[in-house]
Amino acid sequence: FWLPDALVRHAAQIAPPAQKRTIG
């Protein structure tokens, strides 16, 4: 229950601006 959300949180934190813009 904790690990998947922790990995998703980590992905959100380390995503560079270009990746975030792609998501947006």
PDBML (XML) file of the C-alpha atoms, coordinates in Angstrom:
<?xml version="1.0" encoding="UTF-8" ?>
<PDBx:datablock datablockName="MODEL"
   xmlns:PDBx="http://pdbml.pdb.org/schema/pdbx-v50.xsd"
   xmlns:xsi="http://www.w3.org/2001/XMLSchema-instance"
   xsi:schemaLocation="http://pdbml.pdb.org/schema/pdbx-v50.xsd pdbx-v50.xsd">
   <PDBx:atom_siteCategory>
      <PDBx:atom_site id="1">
         <PDBx:B_iso_or_equiv>0.00</PDBx:B_iso_or_equiv>
         <PDBx:Cartn_x>0.000</PDBx:Cartn_x>
         <PDBx:Cartn_y>0.000</PDBx:Cartn_y>
         <PDBx:Cartn_z>0.000</PDBx:Cartn_z>
         <PDBx:auth_asym_id>A</PDBx:auth_asym_id>
         <PDBx:auth_atom_id>CA</PDBx:auth_atom_id>
         <PDBx:auth_comp_id>PHE</PDBx:auth_comp_id>
         <PDBx:auth_seq_id>1</PDBx:auth_seq_id>
         <PDBx:group_PDB>ATOM</PDBx:group_PDB>
         <PDBx:label_alt_id xsi:nil="true" />
         <PDBx:label_asym_id>A</PDBx:label_asym_id>
         <PDBx:label_atom_id>CA</PDBx:label_atom_id>
         <PDBx:label_comp_id>PHE</PDBx:label_comp_id>
         <PDBx:label_entity_id>1</PDBx:label_entity_id>
         <PDBx:label_seq_id>1</PDBx:label_seq_id>
         <PDBx:occupancy>1.00</PDBx:occupancy>
         <PDBx:pdbx_PDB_model_num>1</PDBx:pdbx_PDB_model_num>
         <PDBx:type_symbol>C</PDBx:type_symbol>
      </PDBx:atom_site>
      <PDBx:atom_site id="2">
         <PDBx:B_iso_or_equiv>0.00</PDBx:B_iso_or_equiv>
         <PDBx:Cartn_x>2.861</PDBx:Cartn_x>
         <PDBx:Cartn_y>2.426</PDBx:Cartn_y>
         <PDBx:Cartn_z>0.661</PDBx:Cartn_z>
         <PDBx:auth_asym_id>A</PDBx:auth_asym_id>
         <PDBx:auth_atom_id>CA</PDBx:auth_atom_id>
         <PDBx:auth_comp_id>TRP</PDBx:auth_comp_id>
         <PDBx:auth_seq_id>2</PDBx:auth_seq_id>
         <PDBx:group_PDB>ATOM</PDBx:group_PDB>
         <PDBx:label_alt_id xsi:nil="true" />
         <PDBx:label_asym_id>A</PDBx:label_asym_id>
         <PDBx:label_atom_id>CA</PDBx:label_atom_id>
         <PDBx:label_comp_id>TRP</PDBx:label_comp_id>
         <PDBx:label_entity_id>1</PDBx:label_entity_id>
         <PDBx:label_seq_id>2</PDBx:label_seq_id>
         <PDBx:occupancy>1.00</PDBx:occupancy>
         <PDBx:pdbx_PDB_model_num>1</PDBx:pdbx_PDB_model_num>
         <PDBx:type_symbol>C</PDBx:type_symbol>
      </PDBx:atom_site>
      <PDBx:atom_site id="3">
         <PDBx:B_iso_or_equiv>0.00</PDBx:B_iso_or_equiv>
         <PDBx:Cartn_x>5.441</PDBx:Cartn_x>
         <PDBx:Cartn_y>1.636</PDBx:Cartn_y>
         <PDBx:Cartn_z>-1.994</PDBx:Cartn_z>
         <PDBx:auth_asym_id>A</PDBx:auth_asym_id>
         <PDBx:auth_atom_id>CA</PDBx:auth_atom_id>
         <PDBx:auth_comp_id>LEU</PDBx:auth_comp_id>
         <PDBx:auth_seq_id>3</PDBx:auth_seq_id>
         <PDBx:group_PDB>ATOM</PDBx:group_PDB>
         <PDBx:label_alt_id xsi:nil="true" />
         <PDBx:label_asym_id>A</PDBx:label_asym_id>
         <PDBx:label_atom_id>CA</PDBx:label_atom_id>
         <PDBx:label_comp_id>LEU</PDBx:label_comp_id>
         <PDBx:label_entity_id>1</PDBx:label_entity_id>
         <PDBx:label_seq_id>3</PDBx:label_seq_id>
         <PDBx:occupancy>1.00</PDBx:occupancy>
         <PDBx:pdbx_PDB_model_num>1</PDBx:pdbx_PDB_model_num>
         <PDBx:type_symbol>C</PDBx:type_symbol>
      </PDBx:atom_site>
      <PDBx:atom_site id="4">
         <PDBx:B_iso_or_equiv>0.00</PDBx:B_iso_or_equiv>
         <PDBx:Cartn_x>3.354</PDBx:Cartn_x>
         <PDBx:Cartn_y>2.393</PDBx:Cartn_y>
         <PDBx:Cartn_z>-5.123</PDBx:Cartn_z>
         <PDBx:auth_asym_id>A</PDBx:auth_asym_id>
         <PDBx:auth_atom_id>CA</PDBx:auth_atom_id>
         <PDBx:auth_comp_id>PRO</PDBx:auth_comp_id>
         <PDBx:auth_seq_id>4</PDBx:auth_seq_id>
         <PDBx:group_PDB>ATOM</PDBx:group_PDB>
         <PDBx:label_alt_id xsi:nil="true" />
         <PDBx:label_asym_id>A</PDBx:label_asym_id>
         <PDBx:label_atom_id>CA</PDBx:label_atom_id>
         <PDBx:label_comp_id>PRO</PDBx:label_comp_id>
         <PDBx:label_entity_id>1</PDBx:label_entity_id>
         <PDBx:label_seq_id>4</PDBx:label_seq_id>
         <PDBx:occupancy>1.00</PDBx:occupancy>
         <PDBx:pdbx_PDB_model_num>1</PDBx:pdbx_PDB_model_num>
         <PDBx:type_symbol>C</PDBx:type_symbol>
      </PDBx:atom_site>
      <PDBx:atom_site id="5">
         <PDBx:B_iso_or_equiv>0.00</PDBx:B_iso_or_equiv>
         <PDBx:Cartn_x>2.314</PDBx:Cartn_x>
         <PDBx:Cartn_y>5.818</PDBx:Cartn_y>
         <PDBx:Cartn_z>-3.844</PDBx:Cartn_z>
         <PDBx:auth_asym_id>A</PDBx:auth_asym_id>
         <PDBx:auth_atom_id>CA</PDBx:auth_atom_id>
         <PDBx:auth_comp_id>ASP</PDBx:auth_comp_id>
         <PDBx:auth_seq_id>5</PDBx:auth_seq_id>
         <PDBx:group_PDB>ATOM</PDBx:group_PDB>
         <PDBx:label_alt_id xsi:nil="true" />
         <PDBx:label_asym_id>A</PDBx:label_asym_id>
         <PDBx:label_atom_id>CA</PDBx:label_atom_id>
         <PDBx:label_comp_id>ASP</PDBx:label_comp_id>
         <PDBx:label_entity_id>1</PDBx:label_entity_id>
         <PDBx:label_seq_id>5</PDBx:label_seq_id>
         <PDBx:occupancy>1.00</PDBx:occupancy>
         <PDBx:pdbx_PDB_model_num>1</PDBx:pdbx_PDB_model_num>
         <PDBx:type_symbol>C</PDBx:type_symbol>
      </PDBx:atom_site>
      <PDBx:atom_site id="6">
         <PDBx:B_iso_or_equiv>0.00</PDBx:B_iso_or_equiv>
         <PDBx:Cartn_x>5.863</PDBx:Cartn_x>
         <PDBx:Cartn_y>6.520</PDBx:Cartn_y>
         <PDBx:Cartn_z>-2.661</PDBx:Cartn_z>
         <PDBx:auth_asym_id>A</PDBx:auth_asym_id>
         <PDBx:auth_atom_id>CA</PDBx:auth_atom_id>
         <PDBx:auth_comp_id>ALA</PDBx:auth_comp_id>
         <PDBx:auth_seq_id>6</PDBx:auth_seq_id>
         <PDBx:group_PDB>ATOM</PDBx:group_PDB>
         <PDBx:label_alt_id xsi:nil="true" />
         <PDBx:label_asym_id>A</PDBx:label_asym_id>
         <PDBx:label_atom_id>CA</PDBx:label_atom_id>
         <PDBx:label_comp_id>ALA</PDBx:label_comp_id>
         <PDBx:label_entity_id>1</PDBx:label_entity_id>
         <PDBx:label_seq_id>6</PDBx:label_seq_id>
         <PDBx:occupancy>1.00</PDBx:occupancy>
         <PDBx:pdbx_PDB_model_num>1</PDBx:pdbx_PDB_model_num>
         <PDBx:type_symbol>C</PDBx:type_symbol>
      </PDBx:atom_site>
      <PDBx:atom_site id="7">
         <PDBx:B_iso_or_equiv>0.00</PDBx:B_iso_or_equiv>
         <PDBx:Cartn_x>7.189</PDBx:Cartn_x>
         <PDBx:Cartn_y>5.757</PDBx:Cartn_y>
         <PDBx:Cartn_z>-6.166</PDBx:Cartn_z>
         <PDBx:auth_asym_id>A</PDBx:auth_asym_id>
         <PDBx:auth_atom_id>CA</PDBx:auth_atom_id>
         <PDBx:auth_comp_id>LEU</PDBx:auth_comp_id>
         <PDBx:auth_seq_id>7</PDBx:auth_seq_id>
         <PDBx:group_PDB>ATOM</PDBx:group_PDB>
         <PDBx:label_alt_id xsi:nil="true" />
         <PDBx:label_asym_id>A</PDBx:label_asym_id>
         <PDBx:label_atom_id>CA</PDBx:label_atom_id>
         <PDBx:label_comp_id>LEU</PDBx:label_comp_id>
         <PDBx:label_entity_id>1</PDBx:label_entity_id>
         <PDBx:label_seq_id>7</PDBx:label_seq_id>
         <PDBx:occupancy>1.00</PDBx:occupancy>
         <PDBx:pdbx_PDB_model_num>1</PDBx:pdbx_PDB_model_num>
         <PDBx:type_symbol>C</PDBx:type_symbol>
      </PDBx:atom_site>
      <PDBx:atom_site id="8">
         <PDBx:B_iso_or_equiv>0.00</PDBx:B_iso_or_equiv>
         <PDBx:Cartn_x>4.536</PDBx:Cartn_x>
         <PDBx:Cartn_y>7.967</PDBx:Cartn_y>
         <PDBx:Cartn_z>-7.761</PDBx:Cartn_z>
         <PDBx:auth_asym_id>A</PDBx:auth_asym_id>
         <PDBx:auth_atom_id>CA</PDBx:auth_atom_id>
         <PDBx:auth_comp_id>VAL</PDBx:auth_comp_id>
         <PDBx:auth_seq_id>8</PDBx:auth_seq_id>
         <PDBx:group_PDB>ATOM</PDBx:group_PDB>
         <PDBx:label_alt_id xsi:nil="true" />
         <PDBx:label_asym_id>A</PDBx:label_asym_id>
         <PDBx:label_atom_id>CA</PDBx:label_atom_id>
         <PDBx:label_comp_id>VAL</PDBx:label_comp_id>
         <PDBx:label_entity_id>1</PDBx:label_entity_id>
         <PDBx:label_seq_id>8</PDBx:label_seq_id>
         <PDBx:occupancy>1.00</PDBx:occupancy>
         <PDBx:pdbx_PDB_model_num>1</PDBx:pdbx_PDB_model_num>
         <PDBx:type_symbol>C</PDBx:type_symbol>
      </PDBx:atom_site>
      <PDBx:atom_site id="9">
         <PDBx:B_iso_or_equiv>0.00</PDBx:B_iso_or_equiv>
         <PDBx:Cartn_x>5.433</PDBx:Cartn_x>
         <PDBx:Cartn_y>10.776</PDBx:Cartn_y>
         <PDBx:Cartn_z>-5.345</PDBx:Cartn_z>
         <PDBx:auth_asym_id>A</PDBx:auth_asym_id>
         <PDBx:auth_atom_id>CA</PDBx:auth_atom_id>
         <PDBx:auth_comp_id>ARG</PDBx:auth_comp_id>
         <PDBx:auth_seq_id>9</PDBx:auth_seq_id>
         <PDBx:group_PDB>ATOM</PDBx:group_PDB>
         <PDBx:label_alt_id xsi:nil="true" />
         <PDBx:label_asym_id>A</PDBx:label_asym_id>
         <PDBx:label_atom_id>CA</PDBx:label_atom_id>
         <PDBx:label_comp_id>ARG</PDBx:label_comp_id>
         <PDBx:label_entity_id>1</PDBx:label_entity_id>
         <PDBx:label_seq_id>9</PDBx:label_seq_id>
         <PDBx:occupancy>1.00</PDBx:occupancy>
         <PDBx:pdbx_PDB_model_num>1</PDBx:pdbx_PDB_model_num>
         <PDBx:type_symbol>C</PDBx:type_symbol>
      </PDBx:atom_site>
      <PDBx:atom_site id="10">
         <PDBx:B_iso_or_equiv>0.00</PDBx:B_iso_or_equiv>
         <PDBx:Cartn_x>9.093</PDBx:Cartn_x>
         <PDBx:Cartn_y>10.370</PDBx:Cartn_y>
         <PDBx:Cartn_z>-6.191</PDBx:Cartn_z>
         <PDBx:auth_asym_id>A</PDBx:auth_asym_id>
         <PDBx:auth_atom_id>CA</PDBx:auth_atom_id>
         <PDBx:auth_comp_id>HIS</PDBx:auth_comp_id>
         <PDBx:auth_seq_id>10</PDBx:auth_seq_id>
         <PDBx:group_PDB>ATOM</PDBx:group_PDB>
         <PDBx:label_alt_id xsi:nil="true" />
         <PDBx:label_asym_id>A</PDBx:label_asym_id>
         <PDBx:label_atom_id>CA</PDBx:label_atom_id>
         <PDBx:label_comp_id>HIS</PDBx:label_comp_id>
         <PDBx:label_entity_id>1</PDBx:label_entity_id>
         <PDBx:label_seq_id>10</PDBx:label_seq_id>
         <PDBx:occupancy>1.00</PDBx:occupancy>
         <PDBx:pdbx_PDB_model_num>1</PDBx:pdbx_PDB_model_num>
         <PDBx:type_symbol>C</PDBx:type_symbol>
      </PDBx:atom_site>
      <PDBx:atom_site id="11">
         <PDBx:B_iso_or_equiv>0.00</PDBx:B_iso_or_equiv>
         <PDBx:Cartn_x>8.347</PDBx:Cartn_x>
         <PDBx:Cartn_y>10.485</PDBx:Cartn_y>
         <PDBx:Cartn_z>-9.909</PDBx:Cartn_z>
         <PDBx:auth_asym_id>A</PDBx:auth_asym_id>
         <PDBx:auth_atom_id>CA</PDBx:auth_atom_id>
         <PDBx:auth_comp_id>ALA</PDBx:auth_comp_id>
         <PDBx:auth_seq_id>11</PDBx:auth_seq_id>
         <PDBx:group_PDB>ATOM</PDBx:group_PDB>
         <PDBx:label_alt_id xsi:nil="true" />
         <PDBx:label_asym_id>A</PDBx:label_asym_id>
         <PDBx:label_atom_id>CA</PDBx:label_atom_id>
         <PDBx:label_comp_id>ALA</PDBx:label_comp_id>
         <PDBx:label_entity_id>1</PDBx:label_entity_id>
         <PDBx:label_seq_id>11</PDBx:label_seq_id>
         <PDBx:occupancy>1.00</PDBx:occupancy>
         <PDBx:pdbx_PDB_model_num>1</PDBx:pdbx_PDB_model_num>
         <PDBx:type_symbol>C</PDBx:type_symbol>
      </PDBx:atom_site>
      <PDBx:atom_site id="12">
         <PDBx:B_iso_or_equiv>0.00</PDBx:B_iso_or_equiv>
         <PDBx:Cartn_x>6.398</PDBx:Cartn_x>
         <PDBx:Cartn_y>13.727</PDBx:Cartn_y>
         <PDBx:Cartn_z>-9.456</PDBx:Cartn_z>
         <PDBx:auth_asym_id>A</PDBx:auth_asym_id>
         <PDBx:auth_atom_id>CA</PDBx:auth_atom_id>
         <PDBx:auth_comp_id>ALA</PDBx:auth_comp_id>
         <PDBx:auth_seq_id>12</PDBx:auth_seq_id>
         <PDBx:group_PDB>ATOM</PDBx:group_PDB>
         <PDBx:label_alt_id xsi:nil="true" />
         <PDBx:label_asym_id>A</PDBx:label_asym_id>
         <PDBx:label_atom_id>CA</PDBx:label_atom_id>
         <PDBx:label_comp_id>ALA</PDBx:label_comp_id>
         <PDBx:label_entity_id>1</PDBx:label_entity_id>
         <PDBx:label_seq_id>12</PDBx:label_seq_id>
         <PDBx:occupancy>1.00</PDBx:occupancy>
         <PDBx:pdbx_PDB_model_num>1</PDBx:pdbx_PDB_model_num>
         <PDBx:type_symbol>C</PDBx:type_symbol>
      </PDBx:atom_site>
      <PDBx:atom_site id="13">
         <PDBx:B_iso_or_equiv>0.00</PDBx:B_iso_or_equiv>
         <PDBx:Cartn_x>9.204</PDBx:Cartn_x>
         <PDBx:Cartn_y>15.304</PDBx:Cartn_y>
         <PDBx:Cartn_z>-7.446</PDBx:Cartn_z>
         <PDBx:auth_asym_id>A</PDBx:auth_asym_id>
         <PDBx:auth_atom_id>CA</PDBx:auth_atom_id>
         <PDBx:auth_comp_id>GLN</PDBx:auth_comp_id>
         <PDBx:auth_seq_id>13</PDBx:auth_seq_id>
         <PDBx:group_PDB>ATOM</PDBx:group_PDB>
         <PDBx:label_alt_id xsi:nil="true" />
         <PDBx:label_asym_id>A</PDBx:label_asym_id>
         <PDBx:label_atom_id>CA</PDBx:label_atom_id>
         <PDBx:label_comp_id>GLN</PDBx:label_comp_id>
         <PDBx:label_entity_id>1</PDBx:label_entity_id>
         <PDBx:label_seq_id>13</PDBx:label_seq_id>
         <PDBx:occupancy>1.00</PDBx:occupancy>
         <PDBx:pdbx_PDB_model_num>1</PDBx:pdbx_PDB_model_num>
         <PDBx:type_symbol>C</PDBx:type_symbol>
      </PDBx:atom_site>
      <PDBx:atom_site id="14">
         <PDBx:B_iso_or_equiv>0.00</PDBx:B_iso_or_equiv>
         <PDBx:Cartn_x>12.072</PDBx:Cartn_x>
         <PDBx:Cartn_y>14.435</PDBx:Cartn_y>
         <PDBx:Cartn_z>-9.784</PDBx:Cartn_z>
         <PDBx:auth_asym_id>A</PDBx:auth_asym_id>
         <PDBx:auth_atom_id>CA</PDBx:auth_atom_id>
         <PDBx:auth_comp_id>ILE</PDBx:auth_comp_id>
         <PDBx:auth_seq_id>14</PDBx:auth_seq_id>
         <PDBx:group_PDB>ATOM</PDBx:group_PDB>
         <PDBx:label_alt_id xsi:nil="true" />
         <PDBx:label_asym_id>A</PDBx:label_asym_id>
         <PDBx:label_atom_id>CA</PDBx:label_atom_id>
         <PDBx:label_comp_id>ILE</PDBx:label_comp_id>
         <PDBx:label_entity_id>1</PDBx:label_entity_id>
         <PDBx:label_seq_id>14</PDBx:label_seq_id>
         <PDBx:occupancy>1.00</PDBx:occupancy>
         <PDBx:pdbx_PDB_model_num>1</PDBx:pdbx_PDB_model_num>
         <PDBx:type_symbol>C</PDBx:type_symbol>
      </PDBx:atom_site>
      <PDBx:atom_site id="15">
         <PDBx:B_iso_or_equiv>0.00</PDBx:B_iso_or_equiv>
         <PDBx:Cartn_x>10.265</PDBx:Cartn_x>
         <PDBx:Cartn_y>15.067</PDBx:Cartn_y>
         <PDBx:Cartn_z>-13.075</PDBx:Cartn_z>
         <PDBx:auth_asym_id>A</PDBx:auth_asym_id>
         <PDBx:auth_atom_id>CA</PDBx:auth_atom_id>
         <PDBx:auth_comp_id>ALA</PDBx:auth_comp_id>
         <PDBx:auth_seq_id>15</PDBx:auth_seq_id>
         <PDBx:group_PDB>ATOM</PDBx:group_PDB>
         <PDBx:label_alt_id xsi:nil="true" />
         <PDBx:label_asym_id>A</PDBx:label_asym_id>
         <PDBx:label_atom_id>CA</PDBx:label_atom_id>
         <PDBx:label_comp_id>ALA</PDBx:label_comp_id>
         <PDBx:label_entity_id>1</PDBx:label_entity_id>
         <PDBx:label_seq_id>15</PDBx:label_seq_id>
         <PDBx:occupancy>1.00</PDBx:occupancy>
         <PDBx:pdbx_PDB_model_num>1</PDBx:pdbx_PDB_model_num>
         <PDBx:type_symbol>C</PDBx:type_symbol>
      </PDBx:atom_site>
      <PDBx:atom_site id="16">
         <PDBx:B_iso_or_equiv>0.00</PDBx:B_iso_or_equiv>
         <PDBx:Cartn_x>12.068</PDBx:Cartn_x>
         <PDBx:Cartn_y>17.898</PDBx:Cartn_y>
         <PDBx:Cartn_z>-14.937</PDBx:Cartn_z>
         <PDBx:auth_asym_id>A</PDBx:auth_asym_id>
         <PDBx:auth_atom_id>CA</PDBx:auth_atom_id>
         <PDBx:auth_comp_id>PRO</PDBx:auth_comp_id>
         <PDBx:auth_seq_id>16</PDBx:auth_seq_id>
         <PDBx:group_PDB>ATOM</PDBx:group_PDB>
         <PDBx:label_alt_id xsi:nil="true" />
         <PDBx:label_asym_id>A</PDBx:label_asym_id>
         <PDBx:label_atom_id>CA</PDBx:label_atom_id>
         <PDBx:label_comp_id>PRO</PDBx:label_comp_id>
         <PDBx:label_entity_id>1</PDBx:label_entity_id>
         <PDBx:label_seq_id>16</PDBx:label_seq_id>
         <PDBx:occupancy>1.00</PDBx:occupancy>
         <PDBx:pdbx_PDB_model_num>1</PDBx:pdbx_PDB_model_num>
         <PDBx:type_symbol>C</PDBx:type_symbol>
      </PDBx:atom_site>
      <PDBx:atom_site id="17">
         <PDBx:B_iso_or_equiv>0.00</PDBx:B_iso_or_equiv>
         <PDBx:Cartn_x>10.022</PDBx:Cartn_x>
         <PDBx:Cartn_y>20.864</PDBx:Cartn_y>
         <PDBx:Cartn_z>-16.219</PDBx:Cartn_z>
         <PDBx:auth_asym_id>A</PDBx:auth_asym_id>
         <PDBx:auth_atom_id>CA</PDBx:auth_atom_id>
         <PDBx:auth_comp_id>PRO</PDBx:auth_comp_id>
         <PDBx:auth_seq_id>17</PDBx:auth_seq_id>
         <PDBx:group_PDB>ATOM</PDBx:group_PDB>
         <PDBx:label_alt_id xsi:nil="true" />
         <PDBx:label_asym_id>A</PDBx:label_asym_id>
         <PDBx:label_atom_id>CA</PDBx:label_atom_id>
         <PDBx:label_comp_id>PRO</PDBx:label_comp_id>
         <PDBx:label_entity_id>1</PDBx:label_entity_id>
         <PDBx:label_seq_id>17</PDBx:label_seq_id>
         <PDBx:occupancy>1.00</PDBx:occupancy>
         <PDBx:pdbx_PDB_model_num>1</PDBx:pdbx_PDB_model_num>
         <PDBx:type_symbol>C</PDBx:type_symbol>
      </PDBx:atom_site>
      <PDBx:atom_site id="18">
         <PDBx:B_iso_or_equiv>0.00</PDBx:B_iso_or_equiv>
         <PDBx:Cartn_x>9.843</PDBx:Cartn_x>
         <PDBx:Cartn_y>19.458</PDBx:Cartn_y>
         <PDBx:Cartn_z>-19.751</PDBx:Cartn_z>
         <PDBx:auth_asym_id>A</PDBx:auth_asym_id>
         <PDBx:auth_atom_id>CA</PDBx:auth_atom_id>
         <PDBx:auth_comp_id>ALA</PDBx:auth_comp_id>
         <PDBx:auth_seq_id>18</PDBx:auth_seq_id>
         <PDBx:group_PDB>ATOM</PDBx:group_PDB>
         <PDBx:label_alt_id xsi:nil="true" />
         <PDBx:label_asym_id>A</PDBx:label_asym_id>
         <PDBx:label_atom_id>CA</PDBx:label_atom_id>
         <PDBx:label_comp_id>ALA</PDBx:label_comp_id>
         <PDBx:label_entity_id>1</PDBx:label_entity_id>
         <PDBx:label_seq_id>18</PDBx:label_seq_id>
         <PDBx:occupancy>1.00</PDBx:occupancy>
         <PDBx:pdbx_PDB_model_num>1</PDBx:pdbx_PDB_model_num>
         <PDBx:type_symbol>C</PDBx:type_symbol>
      </PDBx:atom_site>
      <PDBx:atom_site id="19">
         <PDBx:B_iso_or_equiv>0.00</PDBx:B_iso_or_equiv>
         <PDBx:Cartn_x>8.317</PDBx:Cartn_x>
         <PDBx:Cartn_y>16.196</PDBx:Cartn_y>
         <PDBx:Cartn_z>-18.506</PDBx:Cartn_z>
         <PDBx:auth_asym_id>A</PDBx:auth_asym_id>
         <PDBx:auth_atom_id>CA</PDBx:auth_atom_id>
         <PDBx:auth_comp_id>GLN</PDBx:auth_comp_id>
         <PDBx:auth_seq_id>19</PDBx:auth_seq_id>
         <PDBx:group_PDB>ATOM</PDBx:group_PDB>
         <PDBx:label_alt_id xsi:nil="true" />
         <PDBx:label_asym_id>A</PDBx:label_asym_id>
         <PDBx:label_atom_id>CA</PDBx:label_atom_id>
         <PDBx:label_comp_id>GLN</PDBx:label_comp_id>
         <PDBx:label_entity_id>1</PDBx:label_entity_id>
         <PDBx:label_seq_id>19</PDBx:label_seq_id>
         <PDBx:occupancy>1.00</PDBx:occupancy>
         <PDBx:pdbx_PDB_model_num>1</PDBx:pdbx_PDB_model_num>
         <PDBx:type_symbol>C</PDBx:type_symbol>
      </PDBx:atom_site>
      <PDBx:atom_site id="20">
         <PDBx:B_iso_or_equiv>0.00</PDBx:B_iso_or_equiv>
         <PDBx:Cartn_x>5.808</PDBx:Cartn_x>
         <PDBx:Cartn_y>18.071</PDBx:Cartn_y>
         <PDBx:Cartn_z>-16.377</PDBx:Cartn_z>
         <PDBx:auth_asym_id>A</PDBx:auth_asym_id>
         <PDBx:auth_atom_id>CA</PDBx:auth_atom_id>
         <PDBx:auth_comp_id>LYS</PDBx:auth_comp_id>
         <PDBx:auth_seq_id>20</PDBx:auth_seq_id>
         <PDBx:group_PDB>ATOM</PDBx:group_PDB>
         <PDBx:label_alt_id xsi:nil="true" />
         <PDBx:label_asym_id>A</PDBx:label_asym_id>
         <PDBx:label_atom_id>CA</PDBx:label_atom_id>
         <PDBx:label_comp_id>LYS</PDBx:label_comp_id>
         <PDBx:label_entity_id>1</PDBx:label_entity_id>
         <PDBx:label_seq_id>20</PDBx:label_seq_id>
         <PDBx:occupancy>1.00</PDBx:occupancy>
         <PDBx:pdbx_PDB_model_num>1</PDBx:pdbx_PDB_model_num>
         <PDBx:type_symbol>C</PDBx:type_symbol>
      </PDBx:atom_site>
      <PDBx:atom_site id="21">
         <PDBx:B_iso_or_equiv>0.00</PDBx:B_iso_or_equiv>
         <PDBx:Cartn_x>4.831</PDBx:Cartn_x>
         <PDBx:Cartn_y>20.197</PDBx:Cartn_y>
         <PDBx:Cartn_z>-19.355</PDBx:Cartn_z>
         <PDBx:auth_asym_id>A</PDBx:auth_asym_id>
         <PDBx:auth_atom_id>CA</PDBx:auth_atom_id>
         <PDBx:auth_comp_id>ARG</PDBx:auth_comp_id>
         <PDBx:auth_seq_id>21</PDBx:auth_seq_id>
         <PDBx:group_PDB>ATOM</PDBx:group_PDB>
         <PDBx:label_alt_id xsi:nil="true" />
         <PDBx:label_asym_id>A</PDBx:label_asym_id>
         <PDBx:label_atom_id>CA</PDBx:label_atom_id>
         <PDBx:label_comp_id>ARG</PDBx:label_comp_id>
         <PDBx:label_entity_id>1</PDBx:label_entity_id>
         <PDBx:label_seq_id>21</PDBx:label_seq_id>
         <PDBx:occupancy>1.00</PDBx:occupancy>
         <PDBx:pdbx_PDB_model_num>1</PDBx:pdbx_PDB_model_num>
         <PDBx:type_symbol>C</PDBx:type_symbol>
      </PDBx:atom_site>
      <PDBx:atom_site id="22">
         <PDBx:B_iso_or_equiv>0.00</PDBx:B_iso_or_equiv>
         <PDBx:Cartn_x>4.298</PDBx:Cartn_x>
         <PDBx:Cartn_y>16.999</PDBx:Cartn_y>
         <PDBx:Cartn_z>-21.377</PDBx:Cartn_z>
         <PDBx:auth_asym_id>A</PDBx:auth_asym_id>
         <PDBx:auth_atom_id>CA</PDBx:auth_atom_id>
         <PDBx:auth_comp_id>THR</PDBx:auth_comp_id>
         <PDBx:auth_seq_id>22</PDBx:auth_seq_id>
         <PDBx:group_PDB>ATOM</PDBx:group_PDB>
         <PDBx:label_alt_id xsi:nil="true" />
         <PDBx:label_asym_id>A</PDBx:label_asym_id>
         <PDBx:label_atom_id>CA</PDBx:label_atom_id>
         <PDBx:label_comp_id>THR</PDBx:label_comp_id>
         <PDBx:label_entity_id>1</PDBx:label_entity_id>
         <PDBx:label_seq_id>22</PDBx:label_seq_id>
         <PDBx:occupancy>1.00</PDBx:occupancy>
         <PDBx:pdbx_PDB_model_num>1</PDBx:pdbx_PDB_model_num>
         <PDBx:type_symbol>C</PDBx:type_symbol>
      </PDBx:atom_site>
      <PDBx:atom_site id="23">
         <PDBx:B_iso_or_equiv>0.00</PDBx:B_iso_or_equiv>
         <PDBx:Cartn_x>1.999</PDBx:Cartn_x>
         <PDBx:Cartn_y>15.691</PDBx:Cartn_y>
         <PDBx:Cartn_z>-18.644</PDBx:Cartn_z>
         <PDBx:auth_asym_id>A</PDBx:auth_asym_id>
         <PDBx:auth_atom_id>CA</PDBx:auth_atom_id>
         <PDBx:auth_comp_id>ILE</PDBx:auth_comp_id>
         <PDBx:auth_seq_id>23</PDBx:auth_seq_id>
         <PDBx:group_PDB>ATOM</PDBx:group_PDB>
         <PDBx:label_alt_id xsi:nil="true" />
         <PDBx:label_asym_id>A</PDBx:label_asym_id>
         <PDBx:label_atom_id>CA</PDBx:label_atom_id>
         <PDBx:label_comp_id>ILE</PDBx:label_comp_id>
         <PDBx:label_entity_id>1</PDBx:label_entity_id>
         <PDBx:label_seq_id>23</PDBx:label_seq_id>
         <PDBx:occupancy>1.00</PDBx:occupancy>
         <PDBx:pdbx_PDB_model_num>1</PDBx:pdbx_PDB_model_num>
         <PDBx:type_symbol>C</PDBx:type_symbol>
      </PDBx:atom_site>
      <PDBx:atom_site id="24">
         <PDBx:B_iso_or_equiv>0.00</PDBx:B_iso_or_equiv>
         <PDBx:Cartn_x>0.136</PDBx:Cartn_x>
         <PDBx:Cartn_y>19.011</PDBx:Cartn_y>
         <PDBx:Cartn_z>-18.542</PDBx:Cartn_z>
         <PDBx:auth_asym_id>A</PDBx:auth_asym_id>
         <PDBx:auth_atom_id>CA</PDBx:auth_atom_id>
         <PDBx:auth_comp_id>GLY</PDBx:auth_comp_id>
         <PDBx:auth_seq_id>24</PDBx:auth_seq_id>
         <PDBx:group_PDB>ATOM</PDBx:group_PDB>
         <PDBx:label_alt_id xsi:nil="true" />
         <PDBx:label_asym_id>A</PDBx:label_asym_id>
         <PDBx:label_atom_id>CA</PDBx:label_atom_id>
         <PDBx:label_comp_id>GLY</PDBx:label_comp_id>
         <PDBx:label_entity_id>1</PDBx:label_entity_id>
         <PDBx:label_seq_id>24</PDBx:label_seq_id>
         <PDBx:occupancy>1.00</PDBx:occupancy>
         <PDBx:pdbx_PDB_model_num>1</PDBx:pdbx_PDB_model_num>
         <PDBx:type_symbol>C</PDBx:type_symbol>
      </PDBx:atom_site>
   </PDBx:atom_siteCategory>
</PDBx:datablock>
